[in-house]
Amino acid sequence: MNIPPWAVTVGLVVIIIFAAAWMFSQRTDKSKGEDAEDSHQSEAVSVDATLINVPLESVAYLLDMIENRIREIGETYQSNGRSYHDDLEMTALRAMSRQLGFDFEVSSISSGFAVTRHVHQPV
């Protein structure tokens, strides 16, 4: 089976975010004095309702990964709707970066994309 590189990158980012969420949920369960297994079995929380706190050290690492992936996409990107999956992936990556408080300005250059990171200003 041939898995596209964008799927691997998105999968890795999702795994990292869920691993960070799991680590921090374990820490808060222990600080409350509850048994971690009992608290996870008693309440079912959807992923959409869970906020994830990412340490500042990890934010820079995640943003670097996102920025590198956008540059990789730029190397093979085709305009006029011929890279629809790349468009979807870049939209998802930028949405993740906005949740971390940053955004990327992406512009086309002859060798791919020029990517500039800046602080996200919500509208």
PDB file of N, CA and C in Angstrom:
ATOM      1  N   MET A   1       0.849  -1.166   0.000  1.00  0.00           N
ATOM      2  CA  MET A   1       0.000   0.000   0.000  1.00  0.00           C
ATOM      3  C   MET A   1       0.898   1.235   0.000  1.00  0.00           C
ATOM      4  N   ASN A   2       0.563   2.213  -0.819  1.00  0.00           N
ATOM      5  CA  ASN A   2       1.351   3.424  -0.951  1.00  0.00           C
ATOM      6  C   ASN A   2       0.660   4.554  -0.196  1.00  0.00           C
ATOM      7  N   ILE A   3       1.239   4.962   0.935  1.00  0.00           N
ATOM      8  CA  ILE A   3       0.656   6.017   1.765  1.00  0.00           C
ATOM      9  C   ILE A   3       1.304   7.337   1.377  1.00  0.00           C
ATOM     10  N   PRO A   4       0.495   8.358   1.061  1.00  0.00           N
ATOM     11  CA  PRO A   4       1.072   9.653   0.678  1.00  0.00           C
ATOM     12  C   PRO A   4       1.776  10.306   1.870  1.00  0.00           C
ATOM     13  N   PRO A   5       2.837  11.083   1.597  1.00  0.00           N
ATOM     14  CA  PRO A   5       3.599  11.707   2.683  1.00  0.00           C
ATOM     15  C   PRO A   5       2.768  12.641   3.548  1.00  0.00           C
ATOM     16  N   TRP A   6       1.783  13.324   2.965  1.00  0.00           N
ATOM     17  CA  TRP A   6       0.972  14.238   3.764  1.00  0.00           C
ATOM     18  C   TRP A   6       0.182  13.478   4.821  1.00  0.00           C
ATOM     19  N   ALA A   7      -0.250  12.252   4.503  1.00  0.00           N
ATOM     20  CA  ALA A   7      -1.021  11.468   5.470  1.00  0.00           C
ATOM     21  C   ALA A   7      -0.142  11.053   6.643  1.00  0.00           C
ATOM     22  N   VAL A   8       1.097  10.724   6.358  1.00  0.00           N
ATOM     23  CA  VAL A   8       2.036  10.346   7.420  1.00  0.00           C
ATOM     24  C   VAL A   8       2.289  11.539   8.342  1.00  0.00           C
ATOM     25  N   THR A   9       2.499  12.717   7.768  1.00  0.00           N
ATOM     26  CA  THR A   9       2.765  13.910   8.569  1.00  0.00           C
ATOM     27  C   THR A   9       1.579  14.262   9.448  1.00  0.00           C
ATOM     28  N   VAL A  10       0.397  14.287   8.871  1.00  0.00           N
ATOM     29  CA  VAL A  10      -0.800  14.602   9.653  1.00  0.00           C
ATOM     30  C   VAL A  10      -1.000  13.562  10.758  1.00  0.00           C
ATOM     31  N   GLY A  11      -0.772  12.304  10.437  1.00  0.00           N
ATOM     32  CA  GLY A  11      -0.893  11.246  11.442  1.00  0.00           C
ATOM     33  C   GLY A  11       0.077  11.435  12.585  1.00  0.00           C
ATOM     34  N   LEU A  12       1.328  11.789  12.272  1.00  0.00           N
ATOM     35  CA  LEU A  12       2.317  12.015  13.322  1.00  0.00           C
ATOM     36  C   LEU A  12       1.951  13.196  14.201  1.00  0.00           C
ATOM     37  N   VAL A  13       1.476  14.266  13.611  1.00  0.00           N
ATOM     38  CA  VAL A  13       1.080  15.438  14.400  1.00  0.00           C
ATOM     39  C   VAL A  13      -0.076  15.088  15.324  1.00  0.00           C
ATOM     40  N   VAL A  14      -1.045  14.357  14.819  1.00  0.00           N
ATOM     41  CA  VAL A  14      -2.191  13.954  15.636  1.00  0.00           C
ATOM     42  C   VAL A  14      -1.730  13.060  16.796  1.00  0.00           C
ATOM     43  N   ILE A  15      -0.833  12.131  16.517  1.00  0.00           N
ATOM     44  CA  ILE A  15      -0.323  11.245  17.565  1.00  0.00           C
ATOM     45  C   ILE A  15       0.412  12.047  18.631  1.00  0.00           C
ATOM     46  N   ILE A  16       1.229  13.013  18.218  1.00  0.00           N
ATOM     47  CA  ILE A  16       1.968  13.833  19.181  1.00  0.00           C
ATOM     48  C   ILE A  16       1.014  14.629  20.057  1.00  0.00           C
ATOM     49  N   ILE A  17      -0.014  15.213  19.449  1.00  0.00           N
ATOM     50  CA  ILE A  17      -0.970  16.005  20.222  1.00  0.00           C
ATOM     51  C   ILE A  17      -1.730  15.128  21.214  1.00  0.00           C
ATOM     52  N   PHE A  18      -2.182  13.953  20.766  1.00  0.00           N
ATOM     53  CA  PHE A  18      -2.903  13.070  21.684  1.00  0.00           C
ATOM     54  C   PHE A  18      -1.992  12.518  22.772  1.00  0.00           C
ATOM     55  N   ALA A  19      -0.727  12.274  22.452  1.00  0.00           N
ATOM     56  CA  ALA A  19       0.215  11.809  23.472  1.00  0.00           C
ATOM     57  C   ALA A  19       0.428  12.894  24.528  1.00  0.00           C
ATOM     58  N   ALA A  20       0.560  14.138  24.081  1.00  0.00           N
ATOM     59  CA  ALA A  20       0.714  15.240  25.035  1.00  0.00           C
ATOM     60  C   ALA A  20      -0.529  15.370  25.901  1.00  0.00           C
ATOM     61  N   ALA A  21      -1.706  15.244  25.294  1.00  0.00           N
ATOM     62  CA  ALA A  21      -2.951  15.325  26.056  1.00  0.00           C
ATOM     63  C   ALA A  21      -3.038  14.203  27.075  1.00  0.00           C
ATOM     64  N   TRP A  22      -2.647  13.013  26.671  1.00  0.00           N
ATOM     65  CA  TRP A  22      -2.693  11.878  27.588  1.00  0.00           C
ATOM     66  C   TRP A  22      -1.739  12.087  28.751  1.00  0.00           C
ATOM     67  N   MET A  23      -0.511  12.580  28.457  1.00  0.00           N
ATOM     68  CA  MET A  23       0.468  12.802  29.528  1.00  0.00           C
ATOM     69  C   MET A  23      -0.054  13.816  30.533  1.00  0.00           C
ATOM     70  N   PHE A  24      -0.650  14.901  30.039  1.00  0.00           N
ATOM     71  CA  PHE A  24      -1.130  15.919  30.958  1.00  0.00           C
ATOM     72  C   PHE A  24      -2.390  15.483  31.687  1.00  0.00           C
ATOM     73  N   SER A  25      -3.212  14.642  31.068  1.00  0.00           N
ATOM     74  CA  SER A  25      -4.386  14.147  31.784  1.00  0.00           C
ATOM     75  C   SER A  25      -3.968  13.197  32.897  1.00  0.00           C
ATOM     76  N   GLN A  26      -2.919  12.431  32.688  1.00  0.00           N
ATOM     77  CA  GLN A  26      -2.408  11.551  33.733  1.00  0.00           C
ATOM     78  C   GLN A  26      -1.896  12.365  34.912  1.00  0.00           C
ATOM     79  N   ARG A  27      -1.220  13.461  34.620  1.00  0.00           N
ATOM     80  CA  ARG A  27      -0.677  14.309  35.671  1.00  0.00           C
ATOM     81  C   ARG A  27      -1.795  14.936  36.490  1.00  0.00           C
ATOM     82  N   THR A  28      -2.860  15.404  35.862  1.00  0.00           N
ATOM     83  CA  THR A  28      -3.943  16.038  36.614  1.00  0.00           C
ATOM     84  C   THR A  28      -4.729  15.013  37.416  1.00  0.00           C
ATOM     85  N   ASP A  29      -4.891  13.783  36.891  1.00  0.00           N
ATOM     86  CA  ASP A  29      -5.593  12.751  37.653  1.00  0.00           C
ATOM     87  C   ASP A  29      -4.842  12.421  38.930  1.00  0.00           C
ATOM     88  N   LYS A  30      -3.531  12.339  38.866  1.00  0.00           N
ATOM     89  CA  LYS A  30      -2.746  12.003  40.055  1.00  0.00           C
ATOM     90  C   LYS A  30      -2.767  13.138  41.060  1.00  0.00           C
ATOM     91  N   SER A  31      -2.820  14.387  40.582  1.00  0.00           N
ATOM     92  CA  SER A  31      -2.824  15.505  41.513  1.00  0.00           C
ATOM     93  C   SER A  31      -4.143  15.590  42.278  1.00  0.00           C
ATOM     94  N   LYS A  32      -5.204  15.048  41.703  1.00  0.00           N
ATOM     95  CA  LYS A  32      -6.500  15.050  42.384  1.00  0.00           C
ATOM     96  C   LYS A  32      -6.622  13.893  43.366  1.00  0.00           C
ATOM     97  N   GLY A  33      -5.694  12.940  43.300  1.00  0.00           N
ATOM     98  CA  GLY A  33      -5.741  11.801  44.198  1.00  0.00           C
ATOM     99  C   GLY A  33      -6.660  10.705  43.713  1.00  0.00           C
ATOM    100  N   GLU A  34      -7.109  10.780  42.466  1.00  0.00           N
ATOM    101  CA  GLU A  34      -7.992   9.760  41.923  1.00  0.00           C
ATOM    102  C   GLU A  34      -7.174   8.682  41.242  1.00  0.00           C
ATOM    103  N   ASP A  35      -7.746   7.525  41.130  1.00  0.00           N
ATOM    104  CA  ASP A  35      -7.123   6.461  40.368  1.00  0.00           C
ATOM    105  C   ASP A  35      -7.368   6.748  38.889  1.00  0.00           C
ATOM    106  N   ALA A  36      -6.316   6.798  38.095  1.00  0.00           N
ATOM    107  CA  ALA A  36      -6.427   7.195  36.682  1.00  0.00           C
ATOM    108  C   ALA A  36      -7.350   6.264  35.906  1.00  0.00           C
ATOM    109  N   GLU A  37      -7.295   4.972  36.180  1.00  0.00           N
ATOM    110  CA  GLU A  37      -8.134   4.036  35.433  1.00  0.00           C
ATOM    111  C   GLU A  37      -9.608   4.240  35.736  1.00  0.00           C
ATOM    112  N   ASP A  38      -9.940   4.469  37.002  1.00  0.00           N
ATOM    113  CA  ASP A  38     -11.333   4.664  37.378  1.00  0.00           C
ATOM    114  C   ASP A  38     -11.904   5.938  36.776  1.00  0.00           C
ATOM    115  N   SER A  39     -11.128   7.005  36.762  1.00  0.00           N
ATOM    116  CA  SER A  39     -11.654   8.274  36.252  1.00  0.00           C
ATOM    117  C   SER A  39     -11.883   8.215  34.749  1.00  0.00           C
ATOM    118  N   HIS A  40     -11.055   7.458  33.997  1.00  0.00           N
ATOM    119  CA  HIS A  40     -11.244   7.364  32.560  1.00  0.00           C
ATOM    120  C   HIS A  40     -12.426   6.471  32.204  1.00  0.00           C
ATOM    121  N   GLN A  41     -12.717   5.482  33.029  1.00  0.00           N
ATOM    122  CA  GLN A  41     -13.827   4.592  32.733  1.00  0.00           C
ATOM    123  C   GLN A  41     -15.168   5.209  33.115  1.00  0.00           C
ATOM    124  N   SER A  42     -15.184   6.079  34.111  1.00  0.00           N
ATOM    125  CA  SER A  42     -16.448   6.595  34.595  1.00  0.00           C
ATOM    126  C   SER A  42     -17.024   7.709  33.720  1.00  0.00           C
ATOM    127  N   GLU A  43     -16.186   8.440  32.998  1.00  0.00           N
ATOM    128  CA  GLU A  43     -16.707   9.530  32.189  1.00  0.00           C
ATOM    129  C   GLU A  43     -16.228   9.384  30.741  1.00  0.00           C
ATOM    130  N   ALA A  44     -17.159   9.566  29.842  1.00  0.00           N
ATOM    131  CA  ALA A  44     -16.829   9.509  28.417  1.00  0.00           C
ATOM    132  C   ALA A  44     -16.881  10.922  27.861  1.00  0.00           C
ATOM    133  N   VAL A  45     -15.727  11.443  27.466  1.00  0.00           N
ATOM    134  CA  VAL A  45     -15.631  12.790  26.941  1.00  0.00           C
ATOM    135  C   VAL A  45     -15.234  12.691  25.479  1.00  0.00           C
ATOM    136  N   SER A  46     -15.935  13.437  24.642  1.00  0.00           N
ATOM    137  CA  SER A  46     -15.573  13.417  23.226  1.00  0.00           C
ATOM    138  C   SER A  46     -14.290  14.199  23.015  1.00  0.00           C
ATOM    139  N   VAL A  47     -13.573  13.865  21.955  1.00  0.00           N
ATOM    140  CA  VAL A  47     -12.320  14.535  21.645  1.00  0.00           C
ATOM    141  C   VAL A  47     -12.567  16.007  21.342  1.00  0.00           C
ATOM    142  N   ASP A  48     -13.692  16.329  20.726  1.00  0.00           N
ATOM    143  CA  ASP A  48     -14.004  17.710  20.378  1.00  0.00           C
ATOM    144  C   ASP A  48     -14.141  18.600  21.606  1.00  0.00           C
ATOM    145  N   ALA A  49     -14.561  18.036  22.728  1.00  0.00           N
ATOM    146  CA  ALA A  49     -14.801  18.827  23.926  1.00  0.00           C
ATOM    147  C   ALA A  49     -13.551  18.958  24.791  1.00  0.00           C
ATOM    148  N   THR A  50     -12.462  18.289  24.419  1.00  0.00           N
ATOM    149  CA  THR A  50     -11.260  18.291  25.228  1.00  0.00           C
ATOM    150  C   THR A  50     -10.283  19.345  24.736  1.00  0.00           C
ATOM    151  N   LEU A  51      -9.834  20.183  25.642  1.00  0.00           N
ATOM    152  CA  LEU A  51      -8.786  21.150  25.319  1.00  0.00           C
ATOM    153  C   LEU A  51      -7.442  20.539  25.676  1.00  0.00           C
ATOM    154  N   ILE A  52      -6.471  20.764  24.822  1.00  0.00           N
ATOM    155  CA  ILE A  52      -5.151  20.202  25.046  1.00  0.00           C
ATOM    156  C   ILE A  52      -4.190  21.336  25.351  1.00  0.00           C
ATOM    157  N   ASN A  53      -3.483  21.219  26.458  1.00  0.00           N
ATOM    158  CA  ASN A  53      -2.452  22.191  26.800  1.00  0.00           C
ATOM    159  C   ASN A  53      -1.117  21.645  26.329  1.00  0.00           C
ATOM    160  N   VAL A  54      -0.459  22.389  25.456  1.00  0.00           N
ATOM    161  CA  VAL A  54       0.827  21.970  24.912  1.00  0.00           C
ATOM    162  C   VAL A  54       1.899  22.838  25.552  1.00  0.00           C
ATOM    163  N   PRO A  55       2.952  22.225  26.122  1.00  0.00           N
ATOM    164  CA  PRO A  55       4.024  23.018  26.730  1.00  0.00           C
ATOM    165  C   PRO A  55       4.705  23.906  25.684  1.00  0.00           C
ATOM    166  N   LEU A  56       5.210  25.059  26.113  1.00  0.00           N
ATOM    167  CA  LEU A  56       5.821  25.999  25.184  1.00  0.00           C
ATOM    168  C   LEU A  56       6.988  25.379  24.414  1.00  0.00           C
ATOM    169  N   GLU A  57       7.744  24.490  25.049  1.00  0.00           N
ATOM    170  CA  GLU A  57       8.861  23.843  24.369  1.00  0.00           C
ATOM    171  C   GLU A  57       8.366  23.000  23.192  1.00  0.00           C
ATOM    172  N   SER A  58       7.225  22.384  23.347  1.00  0.00           N
ATOM    173  CA  SER A  58       6.662  21.531  22.298  1.00  0.00           C
ATOM    174  C   SER A  58       5.997  22.347  21.201  1.00  0.00           C
ATOM    175  N   VAL A  59       5.511  23.538  21.514  1.00  0.00           N
ATOM    176  CA  VAL A  59       4.858  24.378  20.505  1.00  0.00           C
ATOM    177  C   VAL A  59       5.837  24.702  19.390  1.00  0.00           C
ATOM    178  N   ALA A  60       7.039  25.113  19.742  1.00  0.00           N
ATOM    179  CA  ALA A  60       8.039  25.453  18.727  1.00  0.00           C
ATOM    180  C   ALA A  60       8.363  24.236  17.866  1.00  0.00           C
ATOM    181  N   TYR A  61       8.470  23.071  18.480  1.00  0.00           N
ATOM    182  CA  TYR A  61       8.766  21.846  17.734  1.00  0.00           C
ATOM    183  C   TYR A  61       7.632  21.513  16.761  1.00  0.00           C
ATOM    184  N   LEU A  62       6.388  21.600  17.223  1.00  0.00           N
ATOM    185  CA  LEU A  62       5.243  21.323  16.358  1.00  0.00           C
ATOM    186  C   LEU A  62       5.150  22.327  15.216  1.00  0.00           C
ATOM    187  N   LEU A  63       5.395  23.596  15.507  1.00  0.00           N
ATOM    188  CA  LEU A  63       5.352  24.614  14.461  1.00  0.00           C
ATOM    189  C   LEU A  63       6.456  24.394  13.427  1.00  0.00           C
ATOM    190  N   ASP A  64       7.632  23.954  13.881  1.00  0.00           N
ATOM    191  CA  ASP A  64       8.710  23.628  12.936  1.00  0.00           C
ATOM    192  C   ASP A  64       8.308  22.485  12.023  1.00  0.00           C
ATOM    193  N   MET A  65       7.651  21.466  12.588  1.00  0.00           N
ATOM    194  CA  MET A  65       7.180  20.336  11.777  1.00  0.00           C
ATOM    195  C   MET A  65       6.163  20.796  10.740  1.00  0.00           C
ATOM    196  N   ILE A  66       5.231  21.635  11.156  1.00  0.00           N
ATOM    197  CA  ILE A  66       4.202  22.128  10.243  1.00  0.00           C
ATOM    198  C   ILE A  66       4.844  22.961   9.135  1.00  0.00           C
ATOM    199  N   GLU A  67       5.754  23.841   9.514  1.00  0.00           N
ATOM    200  CA  GLU A  67       6.425  24.700   8.529  1.00  0.00           C
ATOM    201  C   GLU A  67       7.217  23.864   7.518  1.00  0.00           C
ATOM    202  N   ASN A  68       7.933  22.866   7.993  1.00  0.00           N
ATOM    203  CA  ASN A  68       8.688  21.993   7.080  1.00  0.00           C
ATOM    204  C   ASN A  68       7.767  21.236   6.139  1.00  0.00           C
ATOM    205  N   ARG A  69       6.635  20.781   6.641  1.00  0.00           N
ATOM    206  CA  ARG A  69       5.707  20.044   5.781  1.00  0.00           C
ATOM    207  C   ARG A  69       5.113  20.952   4.706  1.00  0.00           C
ATOM    208  N   ILE A  70       4.808  22.196   5.047  1.00  0.00           N
ATOM    209  CA  ILE A  70       4.290  23.129   4.049  1.00  0.00           C
ATOM    210  C   ILE A  70       5.337  23.364   2.960  1.00  0.00           C
ATOM    211  N   ARG A  71       6.603  23.472   3.346  1.00  0.00           N
ATOM    212  CA  ARG A  71       7.667  23.621   2.348  1.00  0.00           C
ATOM    213  C   ARG A  71       7.774  22.381   1.459  1.00  0.00           C
ATOM    214  N   GLU A  72       7.635  21.188   2.051  1.00  0.00           N
ATOM    215  CA  GLU A  72       7.671  19.953   1.258  1.00  0.00           C
ATOM    216  C   GLU A  72       6.525  19.914   0.248  1.00  0.00           C
ATOM    217  N   ILE A  73       5.352  20.338   0.682  1.00  0.00           N
ATOM    218  CA  ILE A  73       4.203  20.374  -0.225  1.00  0.00           C
ATOM    219  C   ILE A  73       4.496  21.310  -1.390  1.00  0.00           C
ATOM    220  N   GLY A  74       5.163  22.432  -1.117  1.00  0.00           N
ATOM    221  CA  GLY A  74       5.463  23.412  -2.151  1.00  0.00           C
ATOM    222  C   GLY A  74       6.359  22.880  -3.254  1.00  0.00           C
ATOM    223  N   GLU A  75       7.171  21.867  -2.954  1.00  0.00           N
ATOM    224  CA  GLU A  75       8.081  21.317  -3.957  1.00  0.00           C
ATOM    225  C   GLU A  75       7.344  20.604  -5.088  1.00  0.00           C
ATOM    226  N   THR A  76       6.172  20.051  -4.801  1.00  0.00           N
ATOM    227  CA  THR A  76       5.419  19.301  -5.817  1.00  0.00           C
ATOM    228  C   THR A  76       4.044  19.889  -6.103  1.00  0.00           C
ATOM    229  N   TYR A  77       3.765  21.060  -5.545  1.00  0.00           N
ATOM    230  CA  TYR A  77       2.431  21.656  -5.649  1.00  0.00           C
ATOM    231  C   TYR A  77       2.117  22.067  -7.087  1.00  0.00           C
ATOM    232  N   GLN A  78       0.881  21.809  -7.495  1.00  0.00           N
ATOM    233  CA  GLN A  78       0.395  22.218  -8.812  1.00  0.00           C
ATOM    234  C   GLN A  78      -0.828  23.111  -8.604  1.00  0.00           C
ATOM    235  N   SER A  79      -0.823  24.273  -9.249  1.00  0.00           N
ATOM    236  CA  SER A  79      -1.909  25.236  -9.046  1.00  0.00           C
ATOM    237  C   SER A  79      -3.151  24.866  -9.846  1.00  0.00           C
ATOM    238  N   ASN A  80      -4.161  25.703  -9.741  1.00  0.00           N
ATOM    239  CA  ASN A  80      -5.438  25.550 -10.455  1.00  0.00           C
ATOM    240  C   ASN A  80      -6.187  24.275 -10.094  1.00  0.00           C
ATOM    241  N   GLY A  81      -6.189  23.913  -8.813  1.00  0.00           N
ATOM    242  CA  GLY A  81      -6.992  22.781  -8.353  1.00  0.00           C
ATOM    243  C   GLY A  81      -6.410  21.414  -8.627  1.00  0.00           C
ATOM    244  N   ARG A  82      -5.189  21.338  -9.142  1.00  0.00           N
ATOM    245  CA  ARG A  82      -4.605  20.033  -9.437  1.00  0.00           C
ATOM    246  C   ARG A  82      -3.951  19.404  -8.216  1.00  0.00           C
ATOM    247  N   SER A  83      -3.826  20.144  -7.131  1.00  0.00           N
ATOM    248  CA  SER A  83      -3.272  19.614  -5.885  1.00  0.00           C
ATOM    249  C   SER A  83      -4.300  19.761  -4.769  1.00  0.00           C
ATOM    250  N   TYR A  84      -5.481  19.259  -5.001  1.00  0.00           N
ATOM    251  CA  TYR A  84      -6.590  19.403  -4.051  1.00  0.00           C
ATOM    252  C   TYR A  84      -6.227  18.836  -2.677  1.00  0.00           C
ATOM    253  N   HIS A  85      -5.619  17.647  -2.653  1.00  0.00           N
ATOM    254  CA  HIS A  85      -5.252  17.033  -1.367  1.00  0.00           C
ATOM    255  C   HIS A  85      -4.195  17.863  -0.639  1.00  0.00           C
ATOM    256  N   ASP A  86      -3.289  18.459  -1.402  1.00  0.00           N
ATOM    257  CA  ASP A  86      -2.305  19.349  -0.786  1.00  0.00           C
ATOM    258  C   ASP A  86      -2.978  20.580  -0.192  1.00  0.00           C
ATOM    259  N   ASP A  87      -3.978  21.106  -0.882  1.00  0.00           N
ATOM    260  CA  ASP A  87      -4.728  22.247  -0.349  1.00  0.00           C
ATOM    261  C   ASP A  87      -5.410  21.890   0.965  1.00  0.00           C
ATOM    262  N   LEU A  88      -6.022  20.709   1.005  1.00  0.00           N
ATOM    263  CA  LEU A  88      -6.688  20.266   2.231  1.00  0.00           C
ATOM    264  C   LEU A  88      -5.688  20.098   3.371  1.00  0.00           C
ATOM    265  N   GLU A  89      -4.543  19.514   3.054  1.00  0.00           N
ATOM    266  CA  GLU A  89      -3.536  19.297   4.092  1.00  0.00           C
ATOM    267  C   GLU A  89      -3.006  20.624   4.621  1.00  0.00           C
ATOM    268  N   MET A  90      -2.729  21.565   3.734  1.00  0.00           N
ATOM    269  CA  MET A  90      -2.221  22.867   4.181  1.00  0.00           C
ATOM    270  C   MET A  90      -3.257  23.603   5.012  1.00  0.00           C
ATOM    271  N   THR A  91      -4.526  23.470   4.661  1.00  0.00           N
ATOM    272  CA  THR A  91      -5.593  24.090   5.449  1.00  0.00           C
ATOM    273  C   THR A  91      -5.626  23.493   6.854  1.00  0.00           C
ATOM    274  N   ALA A  92      -5.507  22.176   6.947  1.00  0.00           N
ATOM    275  CA  ALA A  92      -5.509  21.503   8.256  1.00  0.00           C
ATOM    276  C   ALA A  92      -4.274  21.889   9.070  1.00  0.00           C
ATOM    277  N   LEU A  93      -3.127  21.948   8.437  1.00  0.00           N
ATOM    278  CA  LEU A  93      -1.895  22.311   9.142  1.00  0.00           C
ATOM    279  C   LEU A  93      -1.962  23.750   9.660  1.00  0.00           C
ATOM    280  N   ARG A  94      -2.484  24.652   8.850  1.00  0.00           N
ATOM    281  CA  ARG A  94      -2.609  26.041   9.297  1.00  0.00           C
ATOM    282  C   ARG A  94      -3.637  26.167  10.425  1.00  0.00           C
ATOM    283  N   ALA A  95      -4.694  25.363  10.386  1.00  0.00           N
ATOM    284  CA  ALA A  95      -5.686  25.381  11.476  1.00  0.00           C
ATOM    285  C   ALA A  95      -5.050  24.907  12.778  1.00  0.00           C
ATOM    286  N   MET A  96      -4.213  23.869  12.691  1.00  0.00           N
ATOM    287  CA  MET A  96      -3.513  23.397  13.892  1.00  0.00           C
ATOM    288  C   MET A  96      -2.578  24.472  14.426  1.00  0.00           C
ATOM    289  N   SER A  97      -1.861  25.152  13.539  1.00  0.00           N
ATOM    290  CA  SER A  97      -0.933  26.184  13.999  1.00  0.00           C
ATOM    291  C   SER A  97      -1.686  27.351  14.644  1.00  0.00           C
ATOM    292  N   ARG A  98      -2.878  27.692  14.115  1.00  0.00           N
ATOM    293  CA  ARG A  98      -3.677  28.759  14.717  1.00  0.00           C
ATOM    294  C   ARG A  98      -4.124  28.386  16.125  1.00  0.00           C
ATOM    295  N   GLN A  99      -4.418  27.104  16.347  1.00  0.00           N
ATOM    296  CA  GLN A  99      -4.798  26.665  17.683  1.00  0.00           C
ATOM    297  C   GLN A  99      -3.628  26.778  18.656  1.00  0.00           C
ATOM    298  N   LEU A 100      -2.421  26.753  18.125  1.00  0.00           N
ATOM    299  CA  LEU A 100      -1.226  26.922  18.952  1.00  0.00           C
ATOM    300  C   LEU A 100      -0.844  28.398  19.103  1.00  0.00           C
ATOM    301  N   GLY A 101      -1.606  29.298  18.447  1.00  0.00           N
ATOM    302  CA  GLY A 101      -1.382  30.726  18.594  1.00  0.00           C
ATOM    303  C   GLY A 101      -0.546  31.354  17.494  1.00  0.00           C
ATOM    304  N   PHE A 102      -0.272  30.612  16.432  1.00  0.00           N
ATOM    305  CA  PHE A 102       0.552  31.123  15.337  1.00  0.00           C
ATOM    306  C   PHE A 102      -0.127  30.818  14.012  1.00  0.00           C
ATOM    307  N   ASP A 103       0.346  31.470  12.964  1.00  0.00           N
ATOM    308  CA  ASP A 103      -0.146  31.198  11.621  1.00  0.00           C
ATOM    309  C   ASP A 103       1.022  31.336  10.666  1.00  0.00           C
ATOM    310  N   PHE A 104       0.830  30.885   9.448  1.00  0.00           N
ATOM    311  CA  PHE A 104       1.864  30.951   8.431  1.00  0.00           C
ATOM    312  C   PHE A 104       1.347  31.733   7.233  1.00  0.00           C
ATOM    313  N   GLU A 105       2.197  32.593   6.715  1.00  0.00           N
ATOM    314  CA  GLU A 105       1.910  33.250   5.451  1.00  0.00           C
ATOM    315  C   GLU A 105       2.676  32.460   4.395  1.00  0.00           C
ATOM    316  N   VAL A 106       1.947  31.915   3.435  1.00  0.00           N
ATOM    317  CA  VAL A 106       2.544  31.060   2.417  1.00  0.00           C
ATOM    318  C   VAL A 106       2.452  31.773   1.076  1.00  0.00           C
ATOM    319  N   SER A 107       3.596  31.911   0.399  1.00  0.00           N
ATOM    320  CA  SER A 107       3.607  32.529  -0.924  1.00  0.00           C
ATOM    321  C   SER A 107       4.442  31.678  -1.870  1.00  0.00           C
ATOM    322  N   SER A 108       4.084  31.720  -3.139  1.00  0.00           N
ATOM    323  CA  SER A 108       4.770  30.913  -4.146  1.00  0.00           C
ATOM    324  C   SER A 108       6.072  31.575  -4.577  1.00  0.00           C
ATOM    325  N   ILE A 109       7.095  30.744  -4.699  1.00  0.00           N
ATOM    326  CA  ILE A 109       8.365  31.165  -5.287  1.00  0.00           C
ATOM    327  C   ILE A 109       8.740  30.113  -6.323  1.00  0.00           C
ATOM    328  N   SER A 110       9.805  30.347  -7.062  1.00  0.00           N
ATOM    329  CA  SER A 110      10.147  29.429  -8.151  1.00  0.00           C
ATOM    330  C   SER A 110      10.469  28.023  -7.669  1.00  0.00           C
ATOM    331  N   SER A 111      11.000  27.871  -6.471  1.00  0.00           N
ATOM    332  CA  SER A 111      11.376  26.548  -5.975  1.00  0.00           C
ATOM    333  C   SER A 111      10.335  25.932  -5.038  1.00  0.00           C
ATOM    334  N   GLY A 112       9.160  26.526  -4.924  1.00  0.00           N
ATOM    335  CA  GLY A 112       8.126  25.969  -4.040  1.00  0.00           C
ATOM    336  C   GLY A 112       7.369  27.051  -3.311  1.00  0.00           C
ATOM    337  N   PHE A 113       7.393  26.997  -1.978  1.00  0.00           N
ATOM    338  CA  PHE A 113       6.690  27.967  -1.148  1.00  0.00           C
ATOM    339  C   PHE A 113       7.672  28.677  -0.230  1.00  0.00           C
ATOM    340  N   ALA A 114       7.447  29.966  -0.031  1.00  0.00           N
ATOM    341  CA  ALA A 114       8.124  30.725   1.021  1.00  0.00           C
ATOM    342  C   ALA A 114       7.143  30.783   2.189  1.00  0.00           C
ATOM    343  N   VAL A 115       7.610  30.408   3.362  1.00  0.00           N
ATOM    344  CA  VAL A 115       6.737  30.316   4.533  1.00  0.00           C
ATOM    345  C   VAL A 115       7.242  31.279   5.601  1.00  0.00           C
ATOM    346  N   THR A 116       6.337  32.133   6.084  1.00  0.00           N
ATOM    347  CA  THR A 116       6.669  33.085   7.141  1.00  0.00           C
ATOM    348  C   THR A 116       5.744  32.839   8.329  1.00  0.00           C
ATOM    349  N   ARG A 117       6.315  32.613   9.497  1.00  0.00           N
ATOM    350  CA  ARG A 117       5.534  32.360  10.711  1.00  0.00           C
ATOM    351  C   ARG A 117       5.257  33.688  11.409  1.00  0.00           C
ATOM    352  N   HIS A 118       4.026  33.854  11.902  1.00  0.00           N
ATOM    353  CA  HIS A 118       3.684  35.045  12.673  1.00  0.00           C
ATOM    354  C   HIS A 118       2.631  34.671  13.715  1.00  0.00           C
ATOM    355  N   VAL A 119       2.494  35.551  14.701  1.00  0.00           N
ATOM    356  CA  VAL A 119       1.504  35.342  15.763  1.00  0.00           C
ATOM    357  C   VAL A 119       0.120  35.501  15.164  1.00  0.00           C
ATOM    358  N   HIS A 120      -0.766  34.570  15.491  1.00  0.00           N
ATOM    359  CA  HIS A 120      -2.133  34.595  14.958  1.00  0.00           C
ATOM    360  C   HIS A 120      -2.951  35.643  15.696  1.00  0.00           C
ATOM    361  N   GLN A 121      -3.608  36.497  14.924  1.00  0.00           N
ATOM    362  CA  GLN A 121      -4.510  37.512  15.476  1.00  0.00           C
ATOM    363  C   GLN A 121      -5.938  37.133  15.108  1.00  0.00           C
ATOM    364  N   PRO A 122      -6.723  36.584  16.059  1.00  0.00           N
ATOM    365  CA  PRO A 122      -8.103  36.205  15.740  1.00  0.00           C
ATOM    366  C   PRO A 122      -8.912  37.421  15.311  1.00  0.00           C
ATOM    367  N   VAL A 123      -9.854  37.188  14.414  1.00  0.00           N
ATOM    368  CA  VAL A 123     -10.693  38.274  13.899  1.00  0.00           C
ATOM    369  C   VAL A 123     -11.824  38.550  14.846  1.00  0.00           C
TER     370      VAL A 123
END
